[in-house]
């Protein structure tokens, strides 16, 4: 009875079940054996945002632990693999097996992976291999950086990026840092790179990709020469030199201007500061001319190179920019007309000409002035500062700070007068106030009234205080970062009236007040000593 019931159920199922395909279904394991296909497991792809930059150079990028690949078999859409390189430089997948890569360029690694996968297929499928995710590297930066230490950076970054990261996002000053000999240590290897060549010639071989475990070191400059003349930035000024380096080697990392004359290179030896020791070296002789620390190299200019005179127009004009000057022809009025004229907000009466070349003649107290003084430039103003009286030095410092001698007001110059090369014409914006500062009752801004005197504005500010030096008040006018002092005349829009403190008040602050403040302290000490003596 039970057998009959079972047979009935089987017959019913055969009637109700849908017709089946007559195609032969081969189990996955059997199909792999028969067809030689690799039945890989589809894995979750890496995040798109982790994909490396397409600017990676496959011939110089070195594969390391953490680099992730994407392997696709063209014609088998379900066959994709996403293996990641382990710290030992090996690639492993349960289906692909073990692929030893080691420390090799990306281009070579892609070829090895492609050949291994293609060899494991019985059919001739195309295999696509790409770097899907770039590794992150732990590197150490030491030397002339603000924050030496260990950093984790993307593997697509280079040595210069590591130096920048360890220096608060900025590069150390090229005139103080030995970019010519940046060392990178990794395990037993030590390599030296010339980042100056990368700066000037974009030679990427001198700025390689970072690799896990790199120790990047940037030393201060030990031996250097001074480069000037017809040379473009950034390799100008003090530049590190390698021991035994020739002038030709140095010239190979410089970018010379079109106006330069390679046969007019002047070299002054550091051990002979006299101008008689200047040597003129041609480009043919440069390979045999060995440089020494503190040599001065000047690249001369071509005598026949045209040099047009130009001026810059800034401020309240319709077309700010640089404009040509025809010698002894272009005037202030002509140039402003070329710039489209002044705007509605311009204060034309306060237009000034800033003569930058005048300020360049007075060297600041920095490395440049020290260099000139060390080479006997005692005739210059900066070179003689150390031999003059302190009050004169203070006056010269004020002159350098204000640079008021570089300003020429348009009212003091005929509108038809010729301009000079390098001049800057600055047209300020209207400022309807005059500012009163210093020893007045209510310092601040007061509406400008044409024709009023300094005393009128001081009265608006409540008058002088008891500390004021009424005889030495002056006006200060600011133009584009520079200032000009005037002790006479009527204030103009935007001027600042400065009322200094009297000498008596300064003496009180600097001499009398400190003594008064010192008396209680001295009395306290005496009382303490008396008490201790009695005990």
Protein backbone atom coordinates (compact mmCIF):
# COMPACT_ATOMS: atom_id res chain seq x y z
CA UNK A 1 0.00 0.00 0.00
CA UNK A 2 2.77 2.39 0.91
CA UNK A 3 4.58 1.61 -2.32
CA UNK A 4 1.51 2.46 -4.35
CA UNK A 5 1.10 5.81 -2.59
CA UNK A 6 4.74 6.69 -3.21
CA UNK A 7 4.49 5.83 -6.88
CA UNK A 8 1.39 8.03 -7.15
CA UNK A 9 3.16 11.04 -5.68
CA UNK A 10 6.08 10.56 -8.07
CA UNK A 11 3.74 10.45 -11.08
CA UNK A 12 1.97 13.62 -9.94
CA UNK A 13 5.27 15.48 -9.55
CA UNK A 14 6.38 14.44 -13.02
CA UNK A 15 3.16 15.80 -14.51
CA UNK A 16 3.22 19.11 -12.63
CA UNK A 17 6.94 19.90 -12.90
CA UNK A 18 8.03 22.21 -15.81
CA UNK A 19 9.94 20.73 -18.71
CA UNK A 20 13.71 20.69 -18.15
CA UNK A 21 16.38 21.71 -20.62
CA UNK A 22 18.13 18.88 -22.39
CA UNK A 23 21.45 20.79 -22.08
CA UNK A 24 24.04 18.97 -20.09
CA UNK A 25 24.80 20.68 -16.73
CA UNK A 26 28.41 20.14 -15.68
CA UNK A 27 29.38 20.73 -12.06
CA UNK A 28 31.87 23.52 -11.49
CA UNK A 29 34.66 21.19 -10.36
CA UNK A 30 34.19 18.96 -13.43
CA UNK A 31 34.03 21.96 -15.77
CA UNK A 32 37.31 23.24 -14.36
CA UNK A 33 38.95 19.88 -15.05
CA UNK A 34 37.48 19.54 -18.55
CA UNK A 35 37.83 23.11 -19.84
CA UNK A 36 40.73 24.34 -17.76
CA UNK A 37 38.78 27.42 -16.70
CA UNK A 38 39.57 29.08 -13.39
CA UNK A 39 36.40 29.39 -11.34
CA UNK A 40 37.52 32.28 -9.17
CA UNK A 41 35.50 33.74 -6.37
CA UNK A 42 34.17 37.23 -7.14
CA UNK A 43 35.34 39.56 -4.39
CA UNK A 44 34.26 43.01 -3.37
CA UNK A 45 36.15 45.58 -5.42
CA UNK A 46 38.15 48.26 -3.67
CA UNK A 47 36.58 51.68 -3.13
CA UNK A 48 36.83 53.88 -6.19
CA UNK A 49 38.27 56.69 -4.13
CA UNK A 50 41.24 54.49 -3.28
CA UNK A 51 42.23 54.10 -6.92
CA UNK A 52 45.73 55.50 -7.58
CA UNK A 53 46.42 58.62 -9.57
CA UNK A 54 46.71 57.92 -13.29
CA UNK A 55 49.92 59.98 -13.34
CA UNK A 56 51.89 57.10 -11.78
CA UNK A 57 54.97 56.24 -13.81
CA UNK A 58 54.89 52.41 -14.05
CA UNK A 59 58.60 52.23 -14.83
CA UNK A 60 59.70 53.99 -11.61
CA UNK A 61 56.90 53.15 -9.15
CA UNK A 62 58.16 50.23 -7.03
CA UNK A 63 55.60 47.65 -5.94
CA UNK A 64 55.38 47.01 -2.19
CA UNK A 65 53.18 45.77 0.62
CA UNK A 66 49.68 47.22 0.41
CA UNK A 67 49.50 47.66 -3.36
CA UNK A 68 46.22 46.18 -4.59
CA UNK A 69 45.62 44.85 -8.11
CA UNK A 70 42.57 44.19 -10.23
CA UNK A 71 42.77 41.10 -12.42
CA UNK A 72 40.04 40.50 -15.02
CA UNK A 73 39.69 37.69 -17.57
CA UNK A 74 38.23 39.17 -20.74
CA UNK A 75 35.33 36.99 -21.92
CA UNK A 76 34.57 35.70 -18.44
CA UNK A 77 32.79 38.59 -16.73
CA UNK A 78 32.43 36.77 -13.42
CA UNK A 79 36.16 36.13 -13.16
CA UNK A 80 37.70 39.07 -11.29
CA UNK A 81 40.30 39.04 -8.56
CA UNK A 82 41.53 41.76 -6.19
CA UNK A 83 44.69 40.45 -4.50
CA UNK A 84 46.92 42.68 -2.33
CA UNK A 85 50.71 42.51 -2.06
CA UNK A 86 51.92 41.36 1.37
CA UNK A 87 54.83 43.04 3.26
CA UNK A 88 57.28 40.56 1.71
CA UNK A 89 56.34 41.60 -1.81
CA UNK A 90 54.31 38.53 -2.66
CA UNK A 91 50.86 38.23 -4.21
CA UNK A 92 48.55 35.42 -3.07
CA UNK A 93 45.00 34.41 -3.91
CA UNK A 94 43.31 31.11 -3.08
CA UNK A 95 42.46 30.59 -6.75
CA UNK A 96 45.42 32.28 -8.40
CA UNK A 97 47.95 30.79 -6.08
CA UNK A 98 51.27 32.35 -5.05
CA UNK A 99 53.01 34.95 -7.24
CA UNK A 100 56.40 36.23 -6.05
CA UNK A 101 56.95 39.83 -7.13
CA UNK A 102 59.57 41.36 -4.87
CA UNK A 103 60.80 44.94 -5.09
CA UNK A 104 60.27 45.55 -8.81
CA UNK A 105 58.78 48.36 -10.96
CA UNK A 106 55.03 48.37 -11.50
CA UNK A 107 55.40 47.77 -15.25
CA UNK A 108 57.34 44.56 -14.63
CA UNK A 109 54.90 43.42 -11.92
CA UNK A 110 51.92 43.87 -14.27
CA UNK A 111 53.65 41.72 -16.90
CA UNK A 112 54.52 38.96 -14.43
CA UNK A 113 50.96 38.79 -13.08
CA UNK A 114 49.45 38.80 -16.57
CA UNK A 115 51.74 36.01 -17.79
CA UNK A 116 51.11 33.83 -14.71
CA UNK A 117 47.32 34.12 -14.96
CA UNK A 118 47.30 33.60 -18.71
CA UNK A 119 49.48 30.49 -18.37
CA UNK A 120 46.99 28.93 -15.94
CA UNK A 121 44.18 29.15 -18.52
CA UNK A 122 43.73 26.34 -21.02
CA UNK A 123 41.98 28.65 -23.45
CA UNK A 124 43.53 31.75 -24.94
CA UNK A 125 41.77 34.45 -22.89
CA UNK A 126 43.02 38.01 -22.64
CA UNK A 127 43.97 39.02 -19.11
CA UNK A 128 43.64 42.61 -17.88
CA UNK A 129 45.79 43.65 -14.89
CA UNK A 130 45.85 47.12 -13.31
CA UNK A 131 46.97 48.75 -10.06
CA UNK A 132 43.70 49.31 -8.22
CA UNK A 133 44.92 50.68 -4.90
CA UNK A 134 48.27 52.29 -4.10
CA UNK A 135 49.99 51.38 -0.85
CA UNK A 136 50.54 53.73 2.06
CA UNK A 137 54.11 54.01 3.28
CA UNK A 138 55.66 54.73 6.66
CA UNK A 139 58.72 56.95 6.24
CA UNK A 140 61.01 58.87 8.57
CA UNK A 141 62.23 62.40 7.82
CA UNK A 142 65.25 63.88 9.61
CA UNK A 143 67.56 66.85 9.25
CA UNK A 144 66.72 70.46 8.45
CA UNK A 145 62.92 70.25 8.88
CA UNK A 146 60.61 71.73 11.49
CA UNK A 147 59.04 68.48 12.69
CA UNK A 148 61.37 65.53 12.18
CA UNK A 149 59.76 62.14 12.75
CA UNK A 150 57.75 59.34 11.19
CA UNK A 151 54.94 59.92 8.72
CA UNK A 152 52.45 57.75 6.87
CA UNK A 153 52.00 59.01 3.33
CA UNK A 154 50.45 57.73 0.11
CA UNK A 155 52.77 55.54 -1.93
CA UNK A 156 52.24 57.88 -4.88
CA UNK A 157 54.11 60.64 -3.03
CA UNK A 158 57.76 61.35 -3.65
CA UNK A 159 60.79 62.30 -1.56
CA UNK A 160 60.08 66.02 -1.86
CA UNK A 161 56.53 65.45 -0.55
CA UNK A 162 57.94 63.80 2.58
CA UNK A 163 60.25 66.78 3.22
CA UNK A 164 57.33 69.17 2.78
CA UNK A 165 55.14 67.13 5.16
CA UNK A 166 57.83 67.29 7.85
CA UNK A 167 58.19 71.06 7.42
CA UNK A 168 54.58 72.13 8.09
CA UNK A 169 53.62 71.90 4.44
CA UNK A 170 56.41 74.21 3.22
CA UNK A 171 59.78 73.50 1.67
CA UNK A 172 62.88 74.50 3.67
CA UNK A 173 64.73 77.49 2.23
CA UNK A 174 66.81 76.40 -0.76
CA UNK A 175 69.68 78.76 0.15
CA UNK A 176 70.13 77.03 3.52
CA UNK A 177 69.26 73.41 2.71
CA UNK A 178 71.49 70.96 0.88
CA UNK A 179 69.00 69.77 -1.73
CA UNK A 180 71.94 68.62 -3.83
CA UNK A 181 72.62 65.63 -1.55
CA UNK A 182 69.37 64.34 -0.06
CA UNK A 183 69.99 60.84 1.28
CA UNK A 184 67.36 58.08 1.37
CA UNK A 185 68.19 55.01 3.47
CA UNK A 186 66.21 51.77 3.39
CA UNK A 187 67.61 48.70 5.12
CA UNK A 188 71.12 48.27 3.72
CA UNK A 189 70.77 50.66 0.78
CA UNK A 190 71.76 54.34 0.80
CA UNK A 191 70.98 56.52 -2.21
CA UNK A 192 71.67 60.22 -2.79
CA UNK A 193 69.45 62.48 -4.89
CA UNK A 194 69.89 65.97 -6.33
CA UNK A 195 66.54 67.71 -5.81
CA UNK A 196 67.92 70.94 -7.24
CA UNK A 197 68.11 69.17 -10.59
CA UNK A 198 64.47 68.21 -10.11
CA UNK A 199 63.57 71.85 -9.33
CA UNK A 200 65.28 73.27 -12.38
CA UNK A 201 65.13 70.49 -14.97
CA UNK A 202 62.09 68.48 -13.76
CA UNK A 203 64.29 65.36 -13.62
CA UNK A 204 61.95 62.90 -11.86
CA UNK A 205 64.76 60.39 -11.40
CA UNK A 206 66.09 62.72 -8.70
CA UNK A 207 62.73 62.76 -6.88
CA UNK A 208 61.71 59.09 -6.62
CA UNK A 209 58.56 57.56 -5.18
CA UNK A 210 58.59 56.79 -1.47
CA UNK A 211 58.93 53.18 -0.35
CA UNK A 212 57.97 51.64 3.02
CA UNK A 213 60.75 52.10 5.54
CA UNK A 214 62.51 55.00 3.76
CA UNK A 215 64.55 57.36 5.94
CA UNK A 216 64.82 60.73 4.18
CA UNK A 217 67.49 63.14 5.45
CA UNK A 218 68.03 66.80 4.46
CA UNK A 219 71.21 68.41 5.79
CA UNK A 220 72.05 72.12 6.02
CA UNK A 221 74.38 73.48 3.36
CA UNK A 222 78.02 72.93 4.19
CA UNK A 223 79.69 74.01 0.95
CA UNK A 224 78.01 76.57 -1.30
CA UNK A 225 78.63 79.11 -4.04
CA UNK A 226 76.77 82.30 -4.89
CA UNK A 227 75.06 82.46 -8.29
CA UNK A 228 73.79 85.73 -9.76
CA UNK A 229 73.24 87.46 -13.05
CA UNK A 230 71.13 86.21 -15.95
CA UNK A 231 69.78 83.18 -14.06
CA UNK A 232 66.16 82.20 -13.46
CA UNK A 233 64.64 81.10 -10.18
CA UNK A 234 64.73 78.96 -8.13
CA UNK A 235 68.43 78.13 -8.48
CA UNK A 236 69.86 81.54 -7.75
CA UNK A 237 71.69 83.01 -4.77
CA UNK A 238 73.46 80.57 -2.47
CA UNK A 239 73.53 77.09 -4.00
CA UNK A 240 75.11 73.96 -2.54
CA UNK A 241 78.06 72.45 -4.40
CA UNK A 242 79.34 68.91 -4.44
CA UNK A 243 83.06 68.39 -3.68
CA UNK A 244 85.07 68.43 -6.90
CA UNK A 245 82.18 69.85 -8.93
CA UNK A 246 83.09 71.82 -12.04
CA UNK A 247 81.52 74.99 -13.33
CA UNK A 248 80.02 72.98 -16.20
CA UNK A 249 78.30 70.64 -13.70
CA UNK A 250 76.76 73.63 -11.92
CA UNK A 251 75.66 75.26 -15.18
CA UNK A 252 73.84 72.03 -16.10
CA UNK A 253 71.35 72.58 -13.25
CA UNK A 254 70.84 76.30 -13.89
CA UNK A 255 68.15 77.83 -16.06
CA UNK A 256 69.76 80.71 -17.91
CA UNK A 257 67.78 83.63 -19.27
CA UNK A 258 67.57 84.25 -22.98
CA UNK A 259 69.63 87.37 -22.38
CA UNK A 260 72.53 85.39 -20.87
CA UNK A 261 75.92 85.10 -22.51
CA UNK A 262 77.49 81.70 -21.83
CA UNK A 263 80.87 83.07 -22.85
CA UNK A 264 80.69 85.87 -20.27
CA UNK A 265 80.73 83.95 -16.99
CA UNK A 266 82.67 85.71 -14.24
CA UNK A 267 84.03 83.72 -11.31
CA UNK A 268 85.51 85.37 -8.23
CA UNK A 269 87.45 82.99 -6.03
CA UNK A 270 86.61 83.11 -2.33
CA UNK A 271 90.24 83.22 -1.26
CA UNK A 272 90.91 86.29 -3.44
CA UNK A 273 88.36 89.05 -2.74
CA UNK A 274 90.14 91.57 -4.93
CA UNK A 275 88.40 92.40 -8.21
CA UNK A 276 91.66 91.58 -9.97
CA UNK A 277 91.01 87.91 -9.22
CA UNK A 278 87.89 87.87 -11.38
CA UNK A 279 88.19 85.25 -14.09
CA UNK A 280 86.22 85.23 -17.30
CA UNK A 281 85.32 81.62 -18.14
CA UNK A 282 83.78 80.48 -21.40
CA UNK A 283 81.43 77.53 -21.71
CA UNK A 284 84.22 75.49 -23.32
CA UNK A 285 86.51 76.03 -20.34
CA UNK A 286 83.80 75.37 -17.73
CA UNK A 287 84.30 71.59 -17.57
CA UNK A 288 87.87 72.02 -16.37
CA UNK A 289 87.13 74.82 -13.91
CA UNK A 290 86.68 73.33 -10.41
CA UNK A 291 84.52 75.28 -7.96
CA UNK A 292 85.33 75.87 -4.31
CA UNK A 293 83.08 76.90 -1.39
CA UNK A 294 82.06 80.58 -1.34
CA UNK A 295 83.01 81.26 -4.95
CA UNK A 296 80.90 83.92 -6.67
CA UNK A 297 79.56 83.09 -10.13
CA UNK A 298 78.00 85.82 -12.25
CA UNK A 299 76.39 84.96 -15.57
CA UNK A 300 76.74 87.99 -17.82
CA UNK A 301 74.25 89.25 -20.37
CA UNK A 302 74.44 89.59 -24.11
CA UNK A 303 75.43 93.01 -25.27
CA UNK A 304 72.98 92.97 -28.17
CA UNK A 305 69.97 91.72 -26.23
CA UNK A 306 67.05 94.21 -26.44
CA UNK A 307 65.78 95.40 -23.09
CA UNK A 308 62.52 97.33 -23.28
CA UNK A 309 61.75 99.72 -20.46
CA UNK A 310 58.47 99.06 -18.66
CA UNK A 311 56.42 100.50 -15.81
CA UNK A 312 53.69 98.92 -13.73
CA UNK A 313 50.34 100.60 -13.13
CA UNK A 314 48.40 99.55 -10.03
CA UNK A 315 45.52 100.80 -7.95
CA UNK A 316 42.40 102.52 -9.18
CA UNK A 317 42.84 102.33 -12.94
CA UNK A 318 40.62 100.50 -15.40
CA UNK A 319 43.32 98.21 -16.78
CA UNK A 320 46.10 97.61 -14.24
CA UNK A 321 49.22 96.00 -15.66
CA UNK A 322 52.66 96.50 -17.16
CA UNK A 323 53.13 99.00 -19.96
CA UNK A 324 56.09 99.90 -22.22
CA UNK A 325 58.02 103.10 -21.78
CA UNK A 326 59.50 104.86 -24.78
CA UNK A 327 62.66 106.53 -23.53
CA UNK A 328 62.22 110.27 -22.94
CA UNK A 329 58.72 110.12 -24.47
CA UNK A 330 56.27 108.28 -22.21
CA UNK A 331 54.94 110.45 -19.40
CA UNK A 332 52.74 109.83 -16.39
CA UNK A 333 49.70 111.09 -18.29
CA UNK A 334 50.47 108.83 -21.29
CA UNK A 335 50.81 105.65 -19.21
CA UNK A 336 47.62 106.26 -17.21
CA UNK A 337 45.82 106.78 -20.51
CA UNK A 338 47.15 103.42 -21.76
CA UNK A 339 45.76 101.86 -18.56
CA UNK A 340 42.28 103.10 -19.49
CA UNK A 341 42.33 106.10 -17.18
CA UNK A 342 41.42 106.23 -13.52
CA UNK A 343 38.25 104.76 -12.03
CA UNK A 344 35.48 106.73 -10.31
CA UNK A 345 36.89 105.76 -6.92
CA UNK A 346 40.42 107.02 -7.67
CA UNK A 347 42.07 109.84 -5.76
CA UNK A 348 44.06 111.25 -8.66
CA UNK A 349 45.67 114.02 -6.58
CA UNK A 350 47.42 111.42 -4.42
CA UNK A 351 48.89 109.44 -7.33
CA UNK A 352 52.50 108.50 -6.64
CA UNK A 353 55.39 107.01 -8.56
CA UNK A 354 57.19 104.30 -6.61
CA UNK A 355 60.81 104.09 -7.67
CA UNK A 356 61.75 100.54 -6.70
CA UNK A 357 65.27 100.79 -8.03
CA UNK A 358 66.05 103.42 -5.42
CA UNK A 359 65.18 101.03 -2.61
CA UNK A 360 67.27 98.26 -4.17
CA UNK A 361 70.37 100.42 -3.81
CA UNK A 362 70.02 100.35 -0.03
CA UNK A 363 70.59 96.77 1.02
CA UNK A 364 68.69 95.41 4.05
CA UNK A 365 70.52 93.85 6.95
CA UNK A 366 70.40 90.25 5.80
CA UNK A 367 72.55 87.56 4.29
CA UNK A 368 73.04 89.55 1.10
CA UNK A 369 74.54 92.56 2.89
CA UNK A 370 76.77 90.29 4.98
CA UNK A 371 78.02 88.70 1.77
CA UNK A 372 78.88 92.06 0.23
CA UNK A 373 80.61 93.24 3.38
CA UNK A 374 82.68 90.05 3.52
CA UNK A 375 83.90 90.73 -0.01
CA UNK A 376 85.02 94.26 0.63
CA UNK A 377 81.96 96.24 -0.42
CA UNK A 378 82.67 98.79 2.28
CA UNK A 379 81.85 101.67 0.03
CA UNK A 380 78.15 100.83 0.01
CA UNK A 381 75.78 102.35 2.53
CA UNK A 382 74.89 98.96 3.99
CA UNK A 383 78.54 97.98 4.13
CA UNK A 384 79.42 100.98 6.27
CA UNK A 385 76.61 100.72 8.78
CA UNK A 386 78.78 99.02 11.36
CA UNK A 387 81.26 101.88 11.45
CA UNK A 388 78.86 104.78 12.06
CA UNK A 389 77.34 106.15 15.25
CA UNK A 390 74.27 104.39 16.75
CA UNK A 391 71.97 107.36 16.16
CA UNK A 392 72.88 107.36 12.48
CA UNK A 393 72.30 103.63 12.25
CA UNK A 394 68.86 104.11 13.80
CA UNK A 395 68.05 106.81 11.25
CA UNK A 396 69.13 104.58 8.39
CA UNK A 397 66.98 101.75 9.78
CA UNK A 398 64.01 104.13 9.79
CA UNK A 399 64.82 105.13 6.23
CA UNK A 400 64.92 101.47 5.18
CA UNK A 401 61.64 100.76 6.94
CA UNK A 402 59.70 103.66 5.46
CA UNK A 403 61.46 103.84 2.09
CA UNK A 404 59.86 107.27 1.70
CA UNK A 405 62.71 108.38 -0.58
CA UNK A 406 61.34 106.02 -3.26
CA UNK A 407 58.02 107.88 -3.47
CA UNK A 408 57.45 110.73 -5.92
CA UNK A 409 54.08 112.45 -5.59
CA UNK A 410 52.40 113.34 -8.86
CA UNK A 411 51.97 116.93 -7.64
CA UNK A 412 55.75 117.24 -7.40
CA UNK A 413 56.21 115.98 -10.95
CA UNK A 414 55.16 117.48 -14.24
CA UNK A 415 52.54 115.23 -15.83
CA UNK A 416 54.62 115.33 -19.00
CA UNK A 417 57.86 114.32 -17.25
CA UNK A 418 59.45 111.09 -18.47
CA UNK A 419 59.24 107.93 -16.40
CA UNK A 420 62.05 105.51 -15.60
CA UNK A 421 62.29 101.79 -16.21
CA UNK A 422 60.88 99.80 -13.29
CA UNK A 423 58.68 102.60 -11.95
CA UNK A 424 55.32 101.73 -10.43
CA UNK A 425 52.45 104.17 -10.81
CA UNK A 426 50.04 103.75 -7.92
CA UNK A 427 46.64 105.45 -8.02
CA UNK A 428 45.08 105.17 -4.53
CA UNK A 429 41.39 104.91 -3.73
CA UNK A 430 39.55 107.86 -2.27
CA UNK A 431 39.65 107.95 1.52
CA UNK A 432 37.35 110.65 2.93
CA UNK A 433 39.09 110.68 6.32
CA UNK A 434 42.17 112.04 8.03
CA UNK A 435 43.46 109.90 10.89
CA UNK A 436 44.79 111.34 14.13
CA UNK A 437 47.06 109.09 16.17
CA UNK A 438 49.24 109.37 19.24
CA UNK A 439 48.96 111.71 22.19
CA UNK A 440 45.57 113.28 21.59
CA UNK A 441 42.40 112.96 23.66
CA UNK A 442 40.40 110.96 21.11
CA UNK A 443 42.54 109.30 18.42
CA UNK A 444 40.57 108.16 15.39
CA UNK A 445 39.28 108.99 11.89
CA UNK A 446 37.83 112.41 11.13
CA UNK A 447 36.16 113.61 7.90
CA UNK A 448 38.56 115.25 5.46
CA UNK A 449 37.95 118.93 4.76
CA UNK A 450 40.01 120.44 2.00
CA UNK A 451 42.25 123.27 3.16
CA UNK A 452 42.23 122.48 6.88
CA UNK A 453 45.51 122.38 8.82
CA UNK A 454 46.91 119.71 11.13
CA UNK A 455 45.84 121.69 14.19
CA UNK A 456 42.25 121.69 12.96
CA UNK A 457 42.15 117.90 12.99
CA UNK A 458 43.90 117.76 16.37
CA UNK A 459 41.11 119.97 17.77
CA UNK A 460 38.53 117.55 16.34
CA UNK A 461 40.39 114.81 18.22
CA UNK A 462 39.93 116.65 21.53
CA UNK A 463 43.28 118.43 21.55
CA UNK A 464 46.66 117.41 22.88
CA UNK A 465 47.24 115.43 26.06
CA UNK A 466 49.74 116.46 28.72
CA UNK A 467 52.22 113.96 27.27
CA UNK A 468 52.16 115.37 23.71
CA UNK A 469 55.17 116.81 21.92
CA UNK A 470 53.30 119.57 20.06
CA UNK A 471 56.36 120.83 18.17
CA UNK A 472 57.32 117.53 16.53
CA UNK A 473 53.99 116.30 15.19
CA UNK A 474 54.09 115.06 11.59
CA UNK A 475 51.95 113.55 8.85
CA UNK A 476 52.37 110.02 7.53
CA UNK A 477 51.03 109.01 4.10
CA UNK A 478 50.91 105.32 3.10
CA UNK A 479 51.07 104.11 -0.48
CA UNK A 480 50.98 100.45 -1.40
CA UNK A 481 53.04 99.23 1.55
CA UNK A 482 55.39 102.24 1.67
CA UNK A 483 55.11 105.34 3.85
CA UNK A 484 56.16 108.95 3.51
CA UNK A 485 56.70 111.45 6.32
CA UNK A 486 55.74 115.11 5.91
CA UNK A 487 56.13 117.70 8.67
CA UNK A 488 54.63 120.61 6.76
CA UNK A 489 51.77 121.33 4.42
CA UNK A 490 48.10 120.53 4.70
CA UNK A 491 46.77 117.01 5.27
CA UNK A 492 45.33 115.16 2.31
CA UNK A 493 42.77 112.36 2.22
CA UNK A 494 44.02 109.25 3.97
CA UNK A 495 46.90 111.00 5.76
CA UNK A 496 47.76 110.06 9.34
CA UNK A 497 48.63 112.82 11.81
CA UNK A 498 51.04 111.46 14.42
CA UNK A 499 51.48 113.32 17.72
CA UNK A 500 54.52 111.82 19.52
CA UNK A 501 55.16 111.79 23.23
CA UNK A 502 57.36 114.53 24.67
CA UNK A 503 60.96 113.84 25.66
CA UNK A 504 60.14 114.64 29.30
CA UNK A 505 57.39 111.99 29.30
CA UNK A 506 59.71 109.46 27.69
CA UNK A 507 62.32 110.17 30.37
CA UNK A 508 59.65 109.69 33.00
CA UNK A 509 58.66 106.34 31.49
CA UNK A 510 62.18 105.10 30.90
CA UNK A 511 64.00 106.46 33.98
CA UNK A 512 61.83 107.86 36.76
CA UNK A 513 58.98 105.32 36.66
CA UNK A 514 61.28 102.25 36.82
CA UNK A 515 63.06 103.80 39.83
CA UNK A 516 59.73 104.48 41.57
CA UNK A 517 58.64 100.91 40.88
CA UNK A 518 61.96 99.61 42.21
CA UNK A 519 61.77 101.42 45.60
CA UNK A 520 59.06 99.18 47.16
CA UNK A 521 60.97 96.08 46.12
CA UNK A 522 64.20 97.38 47.68
CA UNK A 523 62.39 98.33 50.90
CA UNK A 524 60.81 94.89 51.04
CA UNK A 525 64.22 93.24 50.71
CA UNK A 526 65.70 95.47 53.45
CA UNK A 527 62.84 94.69 55.84
CA UNK A 528 63.28 90.99 55.17
CA UNK A 529 67.03 91.19 55.87
CA UNK A 530 66.44 93.11 59.13
CA UNK A 531 63.91 90.54 60.32
CA UNK A 532 66.19 87.65 59.48
CA UNK A 533 69.12 89.41 61.23
CA UNK A 534 67.15 89.76 64.45
CA UNK A 535 66.24 86.07 64.38
